[in-house]
N, C-alpha and C. Protein backbone atom coordinates (compact mmCIF):
# COMPACT_ATOMS: atom_id res chain seq x y z
N MET A 1 -7.70 16.83 40.53
CA MET A 1 -7.26 16.58 39.16
C MET A 1 -5.79 16.18 39.18
N ASN A 2 -5.45 15.16 38.44
CA ASN A 2 -4.08 14.66 38.38
C ASN A 2 -3.35 15.34 37.21
N TYR A 3 -2.40 16.24 37.53
CA TYR A 3 -1.70 16.99 36.49
C TYR A 3 -0.56 16.19 35.87
N LEU A 4 -0.19 15.08 36.49
CA LEU A 4 0.91 14.27 35.95
C LEU A 4 0.44 13.33 34.85
N LYS A 5 -0.84 13.07 34.78
CA LYS A 5 -1.38 12.12 33.82
C LYS A 5 -1.76 12.86 32.53
N PRO A 6 -1.28 12.39 31.37
CA PRO A 6 -1.69 13.02 30.11
C PRO A 6 -3.21 12.97 29.95
N ARG A 7 -3.75 13.98 29.33
CA ARG A 7 -5.20 14.11 29.19
C ARG A 7 -5.85 13.01 28.37
N PHE A 8 -5.18 12.54 27.33
CA PHE A 8 -5.83 11.65 26.39
C PHE A 8 -5.39 10.19 26.50
N VAL A 9 -4.70 9.82 27.58
CA VAL A 9 -4.19 8.45 27.70
C VAL A 9 -5.32 7.43 27.62
N ASN A 10 -6.37 7.60 28.39
CA ASN A 10 -7.46 6.63 28.42
C ASN A 10 -8.73 7.15 27.77
N LYS A 11 -8.59 8.15 26.95
CA LYS A 11 -9.77 8.71 26.29
C LYS A 11 -10.34 7.67 25.33
N LYS A 12 -11.64 7.54 25.36
CA LYS A 12 -12.31 6.59 24.48
C LYS A 12 -13.21 7.34 23.52
N ARG A 13 -13.43 6.74 22.38
CA ARG A 13 -14.32 7.34 21.39
C ARG A 13 -15.43 6.35 21.09
N ARG A 14 -16.63 6.80 21.18
CA ARG A 14 -17.80 5.95 20.96
C ARG A 14 -18.24 6.09 19.50
N PHE A 15 -18.53 4.94 18.88
CA PHE A 15 -19.12 4.97 17.54
C PHE A 15 -19.94 3.70 17.35
N GLY A 16 -20.90 3.76 16.46
CA GLY A 16 -21.78 2.62 16.23
C GLY A 16 -21.33 1.81 15.03
N ILE A 17 -21.63 0.52 15.08
CA ILE A 17 -21.36 -0.34 13.94
C ILE A 17 -22.61 -1.17 13.66
N SER A 18 -22.78 -1.58 12.43
CA SER A 18 -23.88 -2.47 12.05
C SER A 18 -23.29 -3.81 11.66
N ILE A 19 -23.82 -4.87 12.26
CA ILE A 19 -23.35 -6.22 11.95
C ILE A 19 -24.56 -7.12 11.72
N PRO A 20 -24.38 -8.19 10.96
CA PRO A 20 -25.50 -9.11 10.73
C PRO A 20 -26.00 -9.71 12.05
N GLU A 21 -27.29 -10.03 12.08
CA GLU A 21 -27.93 -10.56 13.29
C GLU A 21 -27.23 -11.82 13.81
N ARG A 22 -26.85 -12.73 12.92
CA ARG A 22 -26.18 -13.97 13.36
C ARG A 22 -24.85 -13.66 14.03
N LEU A 23 -24.12 -12.69 13.51
CA LEU A 23 -22.85 -12.30 14.11
C LEU A 23 -23.09 -11.68 15.49
N ALA A 24 -24.13 -10.87 15.59
CA ALA A 24 -24.46 -10.26 16.89
C ALA A 24 -24.84 -11.32 17.92
N LYS A 25 -25.59 -12.33 17.49
CA LYS A 25 -25.96 -13.41 18.42
C LYS A 25 -24.73 -14.20 18.86
N SER A 26 -23.82 -14.45 17.93
CA SER A 26 -22.58 -15.15 18.28
C SER A 26 -21.76 -14.32 19.26
N LEU A 27 -21.70 -13.02 19.03
CA LEU A 27 -20.98 -12.12 19.93
C LEU A 27 -21.60 -12.15 21.32
N ASP A 28 -22.92 -12.08 21.39
CA ASP A 28 -23.61 -12.11 22.68
C ASP A 28 -23.36 -13.42 23.41
N ALA A 29 -23.39 -14.53 22.68
CA ALA A 29 -23.14 -15.84 23.31
C ALA A 29 -21.72 -15.90 23.86
N LEU A 30 -20.76 -15.37 23.11
CA LEU A 30 -19.37 -15.39 23.56
C LEU A 30 -19.16 -14.48 24.76
N THR A 31 -19.79 -13.31 24.76
CA THR A 31 -19.66 -12.41 25.91
C THR A 31 -20.20 -13.08 27.17
N GLN A 32 -21.31 -13.79 27.02
CA GLN A 32 -21.89 -14.48 28.18
C GLN A 32 -20.97 -15.61 28.65
N ALA A 33 -20.43 -16.39 27.71
CA ALA A 33 -19.56 -17.51 28.08
C ALA A 33 -18.28 -17.04 28.75
N LEU A 34 -17.76 -15.89 28.31
CA LEU A 34 -16.50 -15.37 28.86
C LEU A 34 -16.70 -14.43 30.03
N GLY A 35 -17.95 -14.05 30.29
CA GLY A 35 -18.21 -13.11 31.37
C GLY A 35 -17.65 -11.73 31.04
N ALA A 36 -17.71 -11.37 29.79
CA ALA A 36 -17.18 -10.08 29.33
C ALA A 36 -18.32 -9.25 28.75
N ASP A 37 -18.01 -8.04 28.36
CA ASP A 37 -19.01 -7.21 27.70
C ASP A 37 -18.65 -7.06 26.22
N ARG A 38 -19.62 -6.65 25.42
CA ARG A 38 -19.40 -6.52 23.97
C ARG A 38 -18.25 -5.59 23.65
N SER A 39 -18.22 -4.46 24.30
CA SER A 39 -17.17 -3.48 23.99
C SER A 39 -15.78 -4.06 24.20
N SER A 40 -15.60 -4.80 25.29
CA SER A 40 -14.28 -5.40 25.56
C SER A 40 -13.90 -6.41 24.49
N LEU A 41 -14.85 -7.25 24.11
CA LEU A 41 -14.55 -8.25 23.08
C LEU A 41 -14.25 -7.60 21.73
N ILE A 42 -15.04 -6.62 21.35
CA ILE A 42 -14.81 -5.94 20.07
C ILE A 42 -13.49 -5.18 20.11
N ARG A 43 -13.19 -4.55 21.24
CA ARG A 43 -11.93 -3.82 21.38
C ARG A 43 -10.74 -4.77 21.23
N GLU A 44 -10.81 -5.95 21.87
CA GLU A 44 -9.72 -6.92 21.77
C GLU A 44 -9.60 -7.48 20.36
N ALA A 45 -10.73 -7.77 19.72
CA ALA A 45 -10.69 -8.28 18.34
C ALA A 45 -10.10 -7.24 17.39
N LEU A 46 -10.48 -5.99 17.57
CA LEU A 46 -9.95 -4.92 16.73
C LEU A 46 -8.46 -4.72 16.97
N ARG A 47 -8.04 -4.80 18.22
CA ARG A 47 -6.62 -4.66 18.56
C ARG A 47 -5.81 -5.76 17.88
N GLU A 48 -6.30 -7.00 17.93
CA GLU A 48 -5.61 -8.12 17.28
C GLU A 48 -5.54 -7.92 15.77
N TYR A 49 -6.65 -7.50 15.17
CA TYR A 49 -6.68 -7.28 13.72
C TYR A 49 -5.69 -6.18 13.33
N LEU A 50 -5.70 -5.10 14.07
CA LEU A 50 -4.76 -4.01 13.78
C LEU A 50 -3.32 -4.46 13.97
N HIS A 51 -3.06 -5.26 15.00
CA HIS A 51 -1.71 -5.78 15.22
C HIS A 51 -1.25 -6.59 14.02
N ASP A 52 -2.14 -7.42 13.48
CA ASP A 52 -1.77 -8.31 12.39
C ASP A 52 -1.68 -7.61 11.04
N HIS A 53 -2.30 -6.44 10.88
CA HIS A 53 -2.36 -5.81 9.56
C HIS A 53 -1.78 -4.40 9.47
N SER A 54 -1.67 -3.67 10.55
CA SER A 54 -1.27 -2.26 10.45
C SER A 54 0.19 -2.08 10.04
N HIS A 55 1.00 -3.10 10.21
CA HIS A 55 2.39 -2.96 9.79
C HIS A 55 2.50 -2.81 8.28
N TYR A 56 1.44 -3.13 7.55
CA TYR A 56 1.44 -2.92 6.09
C TYR A 56 1.42 -1.43 5.74
N LEU A 57 1.09 -0.58 6.69
CA LEU A 57 0.97 0.85 6.42
C LEU A 57 2.30 1.54 6.18
N LYS A 58 3.36 1.02 6.76
CA LYS A 58 4.67 1.65 6.64
C LYS A 58 5.65 0.65 6.03
N PRO A 59 6.21 0.96 4.86
CA PRO A 59 7.15 0.03 4.22
C PRO A 59 8.35 -0.27 5.13
N HIS A 60 8.66 -1.55 5.27
CA HIS A 60 9.78 -1.98 6.10
C HIS A 60 10.08 -3.44 5.79
N GLU A 61 11.15 -3.94 6.34
CA GLU A 61 11.49 -5.36 6.22
C GLU A 61 10.93 -6.07 7.45
N CYS A 62 10.27 -7.19 7.23
CA CYS A 62 9.67 -7.90 8.36
C CYS A 62 9.49 -9.37 8.02
N GLY A 63 8.94 -10.09 8.93
CA GLY A 63 8.66 -11.50 8.73
C GLY A 63 7.40 -11.88 9.46
N GLY A 64 6.89 -13.05 9.12
CA GLY A 64 5.69 -13.51 9.78
C GLY A 64 5.31 -14.90 9.32
N VAL A 65 4.17 -15.32 9.80
CA VAL A 65 3.65 -16.65 9.50
C VAL A 65 2.24 -16.50 8.95
N MET A 66 1.98 -17.11 7.79
CA MET A 66 0.64 -17.17 7.23
C MET A 66 0.10 -18.58 7.46
N ILE A 67 -1.08 -18.65 8.03
CA ILE A 67 -1.73 -19.93 8.26
C ILE A 67 -2.98 -19.97 7.38
N LEU A 68 -3.04 -20.96 6.51
CA LEU A 68 -4.17 -21.10 5.59
C LEU A 68 -5.01 -22.30 6.02
N LEU A 69 -6.30 -22.06 6.16
CA LEU A 69 -7.25 -23.12 6.52
C LEU A 69 -8.27 -23.26 5.41
N GLU A 70 -8.69 -24.47 5.17
CA GLU A 70 -9.74 -24.76 4.19
C GLU A 70 -9.30 -24.47 2.76
N ASN A 71 -8.02 -24.56 2.48
CA ASN A 71 -7.53 -24.41 1.12
C ASN A 71 -7.79 -25.71 0.38
N ARG A 72 -8.48 -25.63 -0.74
CA ARG A 72 -8.82 -26.83 -1.51
C ARG A 72 -7.88 -27.07 -2.69
N ASP A 73 -7.05 -26.10 -3.02
CA ASP A 73 -6.22 -26.22 -4.22
C ASP A 73 -4.74 -26.09 -3.85
N HIS A 74 -4.16 -27.16 -3.37
CA HIS A 74 -2.78 -27.13 -2.89
C HIS A 74 -1.78 -26.93 -4.02
N MET A 75 -2.07 -27.48 -5.19
CA MET A 75 -1.15 -27.32 -6.32
C MET A 75 -1.09 -25.85 -6.75
N TYR A 76 -2.24 -25.19 -6.75
CA TYR A 76 -2.25 -23.78 -7.13
C TYR A 76 -1.54 -22.94 -6.07
N LEU A 77 -1.71 -23.29 -4.80
CA LEU A 77 -0.98 -22.60 -3.73
C LEU A 77 0.52 -22.71 -3.97
N LEU A 78 1.00 -23.90 -4.29
CA LEU A 78 2.44 -24.08 -4.54
C LEU A 78 2.89 -23.25 -5.74
N HIS A 79 2.05 -23.16 -6.76
CA HIS A 79 2.37 -22.34 -7.93
C HIS A 79 2.53 -20.87 -7.53
N ILE A 80 1.61 -20.38 -6.72
CA ILE A 80 1.69 -18.98 -6.26
C ILE A 80 2.95 -18.78 -5.41
N LEU A 81 3.20 -19.70 -4.48
CA LEU A 81 4.36 -19.55 -3.59
C LEU A 81 5.67 -19.54 -4.37
N GLU A 82 5.75 -20.27 -5.49
CA GLU A 82 6.96 -20.24 -6.32
C GLU A 82 7.23 -18.84 -6.86
N GLU A 83 6.17 -18.10 -7.14
CA GLU A 83 6.33 -16.73 -7.64
C GLU A 83 6.82 -15.77 -6.55
N TYR A 84 6.74 -16.20 -5.31
CA TYR A 84 7.17 -15.37 -4.18
C TYR A 84 8.33 -16.03 -3.44
N ASP A 85 9.15 -16.77 -4.18
CA ASP A 85 10.26 -17.48 -3.52
C ASP A 85 11.29 -16.54 -2.92
N ASP A 86 11.23 -15.25 -3.28
CA ASP A 86 12.13 -14.27 -2.68
C ASP A 86 11.75 -13.94 -1.23
N ILE A 87 10.50 -14.22 -0.84
CA ILE A 87 10.07 -13.94 0.54
C ILE A 87 9.61 -15.18 1.30
N VAL A 88 9.33 -16.27 0.60
CA VAL A 88 8.87 -17.49 1.27
C VAL A 88 10.08 -18.24 1.81
N CYS A 89 10.15 -18.37 3.12
CA CYS A 89 11.28 -19.06 3.77
C CYS A 89 10.99 -20.54 3.97
N ASN A 90 9.71 -20.86 4.20
CA ASN A 90 9.36 -22.23 4.51
C ASN A 90 7.88 -22.45 4.24
N TYR A 91 7.56 -23.65 3.79
CA TYR A 91 6.16 -24.03 3.59
C TYR A 91 5.96 -25.41 4.20
N ASN A 92 4.85 -25.59 4.89
CA ASN A 92 4.55 -26.87 5.49
C ASN A 92 3.06 -27.15 5.35
N HIS A 93 2.74 -28.38 5.04
CA HIS A 93 1.35 -28.81 4.91
C HIS A 93 1.14 -29.94 5.91
N VAL A 94 0.17 -29.76 6.80
CA VAL A 94 -0.09 -30.78 7.82
C VAL A 94 -1.58 -31.09 7.86
N HIS A 95 -1.89 -32.27 8.38
CA HIS A 95 -3.27 -32.69 8.55
C HIS A 95 -3.57 -32.80 10.04
N VAL A 96 -4.68 -32.24 10.43
CA VAL A 96 -5.19 -32.39 11.79
C VAL A 96 -6.57 -33.01 11.62
N GLY A 97 -6.63 -34.32 11.84
CA GLY A 97 -7.88 -35.02 11.56
C GLY A 97 -8.16 -34.95 10.07
N ARG A 98 -9.33 -34.49 9.72
CA ARG A 98 -9.69 -34.36 8.30
C ARG A 98 -9.38 -32.98 7.72
N TYR A 99 -8.76 -32.13 8.52
CA TYR A 99 -8.47 -30.76 8.09
C TYR A 99 -7.04 -30.62 7.60
N CYS A 100 -6.88 -29.82 6.54
CA CYS A 100 -5.55 -29.49 6.03
C CYS A 100 -5.18 -28.10 6.53
N ILE A 101 -3.93 -27.96 6.93
CA ILE A 101 -3.42 -26.66 7.36
C ILE A 101 -2.14 -26.40 6.59
N ASP A 102 -2.08 -25.24 5.93
CA ASP A 102 -0.87 -24.83 5.22
C ASP A 102 -0.23 -23.71 6.03
N ILE A 103 1.07 -23.84 6.26
CA ILE A 103 1.81 -22.85 7.04
C ILE A 103 2.93 -22.31 6.16
N VAL A 104 2.95 -20.99 5.99
CA VAL A 104 3.95 -20.34 5.15
C VAL A 104 4.69 -19.32 6.00
N VAL A 105 6.00 -19.48 6.11
CA VAL A 105 6.83 -18.52 6.83
C VAL A 105 7.43 -17.58 5.79
N VAL A 106 7.27 -16.27 6.03
CA VAL A 106 7.75 -15.28 5.07
C VAL A 106 8.68 -14.28 5.74
N SER A 107 9.57 -13.70 4.93
CA SER A 107 10.48 -12.66 5.41
C SER A 107 10.86 -11.80 4.22
N GLY A 108 10.74 -10.47 4.41
CA GLY A 108 11.11 -9.57 3.33
C GLY A 108 10.35 -8.26 3.42
N SER A 109 10.16 -7.64 2.29
CA SER A 109 9.48 -6.36 2.20
C SER A 109 8.02 -6.49 2.63
N SER A 110 7.57 -5.57 3.48
CA SER A 110 6.17 -5.62 3.94
C SER A 110 5.20 -5.49 2.77
N SER A 111 5.56 -4.70 1.75
CA SER A 111 4.67 -4.55 0.60
C SER A 111 4.58 -5.85 -0.20
N ARG A 112 5.68 -6.56 -0.30
CA ARG A 112 5.67 -7.84 -1.03
C ARG A 112 4.87 -8.89 -0.24
N ILE A 113 5.01 -8.90 1.07
CA ILE A 113 4.24 -9.81 1.92
C ILE A 113 2.75 -9.48 1.82
N ALA A 114 2.41 -8.19 1.84
CA ALA A 114 1.01 -7.77 1.71
C ALA A 114 0.45 -8.21 0.36
N HIS A 115 1.26 -8.10 -0.70
CA HIS A 115 0.81 -8.52 -2.03
C HIS A 115 0.50 -10.01 -2.04
N LEU A 116 1.39 -10.82 -1.46
CA LEU A 116 1.15 -12.26 -1.38
C LEU A 116 -0.11 -12.55 -0.56
N HIS A 117 -0.24 -11.90 0.56
CA HIS A 117 -1.41 -12.09 1.43
C HIS A 117 -2.70 -11.80 0.67
N ASN A 118 -2.75 -10.66 0.00
CA ASN A 118 -3.95 -10.27 -0.75
C ASN A 118 -4.22 -11.22 -1.91
N ARG A 119 -3.17 -11.66 -2.56
CA ARG A 119 -3.34 -12.58 -3.69
C ARG A 119 -3.91 -13.92 -3.21
N LEU A 120 -3.38 -14.42 -2.11
CA LEU A 120 -3.89 -15.68 -1.57
C LEU A 120 -5.36 -15.55 -1.17
N LEU A 121 -5.70 -14.43 -0.54
CA LEU A 121 -7.09 -14.20 -0.14
C LEU A 121 -8.02 -14.17 -1.34
N SER A 122 -7.62 -13.49 -2.40
CA SER A 122 -8.51 -13.33 -3.55
C SER A 122 -8.56 -14.56 -4.45
N GLU A 123 -7.45 -15.27 -4.59
CA GLU A 123 -7.42 -16.38 -5.54
C GLU A 123 -7.75 -17.74 -4.93
N LEU A 124 -7.46 -17.94 -3.66
CA LEU A 124 -7.70 -19.25 -3.06
C LEU A 124 -9.03 -19.34 -2.31
N LYS A 125 -9.59 -18.21 -1.94
CA LYS A 125 -10.88 -18.19 -1.25
C LYS A 125 -10.88 -19.08 0.00
N CYS A 126 -9.82 -18.98 0.77
CA CYS A 126 -9.73 -19.76 2.00
C CYS A 126 -9.50 -18.81 3.18
N ARG A 127 -9.54 -19.35 4.37
CA ARG A 127 -9.27 -18.53 5.56
C ARG A 127 -7.77 -18.41 5.73
N ILE A 128 -7.30 -17.18 5.93
CA ILE A 128 -5.86 -16.94 6.11
C ILE A 128 -5.68 -16.04 7.32
N ARG A 129 -4.73 -16.41 8.15
CA ARG A 129 -4.35 -15.56 9.29
C ARG A 129 -2.88 -15.25 9.14
N TYR A 130 -2.53 -13.98 9.12
CA TYR A 130 -1.13 -13.57 9.06
C TYR A 130 -0.74 -13.07 10.43
N ILE A 131 0.35 -13.61 10.95
CA ILE A 131 0.86 -13.20 12.26
C ILE A 131 2.26 -12.63 12.06
N PRO A 132 2.41 -11.31 12.18
CA PRO A 132 3.75 -10.72 12.03
C PRO A 132 4.62 -11.06 13.23
N ILE A 133 5.91 -11.17 12.98
CA ILE A 133 6.86 -11.42 14.06
C ILE A 133 7.96 -10.38 13.98
N GLY A 134 8.66 -10.21 15.06
CA GLY A 134 9.79 -9.29 15.07
C GLY A 134 9.49 -7.98 15.75
N LYS A 135 10.49 -7.14 15.76
CA LYS A 135 10.44 -5.88 16.49
C LYS A 135 9.33 -4.96 16.00
N CYS A 136 9.16 -4.87 14.70
CA CYS A 136 8.18 -3.93 14.16
C CYS A 136 6.78 -4.23 14.67
N SER A 137 6.36 -5.49 14.64
CA SER A 137 5.02 -5.81 15.10
C SER A 137 4.87 -5.53 16.60
N LEU A 138 5.92 -5.73 17.36
CA LEU A 138 5.85 -5.46 18.79
C LEU A 138 5.74 -3.97 19.05
N GLU A 139 6.48 -3.16 18.30
CA GLU A 139 6.39 -1.70 18.48
C GLU A 139 4.99 -1.21 18.15
N LEU A 140 4.41 -1.72 17.06
CA LEU A 140 3.07 -1.30 16.70
C LEU A 140 2.05 -1.75 17.74
N ALA A 141 2.25 -2.94 18.28
CA ALA A 141 1.32 -3.44 19.30
C ALA A 141 1.34 -2.53 20.53
N GLU A 142 2.53 -2.06 20.91
CA GLU A 142 2.63 -1.16 22.07
C GLU A 142 1.90 0.15 21.81
N ASP A 143 1.95 0.63 20.56
CA ASP A 143 1.26 1.87 20.22
C ASP A 143 -0.26 1.71 20.29
N MET A 144 -0.75 0.49 20.21
CA MET A 144 -2.18 0.26 20.17
C MET A 144 -2.76 -0.17 21.51
N GLN A 145 -1.99 -0.13 22.57
CA GLN A 145 -2.51 -0.52 23.88
C GLN A 145 -3.58 0.46 24.31
N PRO A 146 -4.56 -0.03 25.11
CA PRO A 146 -5.67 0.85 25.54
C PRO A 146 -5.19 2.01 26.40
């Protein structure tokens, strides 16, 4: 027995989840293509999701990048962003082939950024990925290592 190693460093907890059949088939196809197992893929996906969202749990000043895909109402997006001009540092709209990509750089209160994120999700009905930047997101990522 190794007395120098903390007892719970690599402790794992097993739990079941229910997902739609199509999602399960996609997961199985990806595990086969990557030569990985389901648990590893789900663990990595969960780690990424927690990295991108857990900083909302503790109020702090931070920054990040919101990437919006499949947004059909650019004028309404601009209207919303004007209401958050205290945290929006930059906005860019680009085309990649026939696809539109909106990129919003934000900096400020984590609660205000979370409010903008949630509002965009609920009102625009598009895909949004928020990527936090800075020391806070890195510290949280270290806490979530396996």
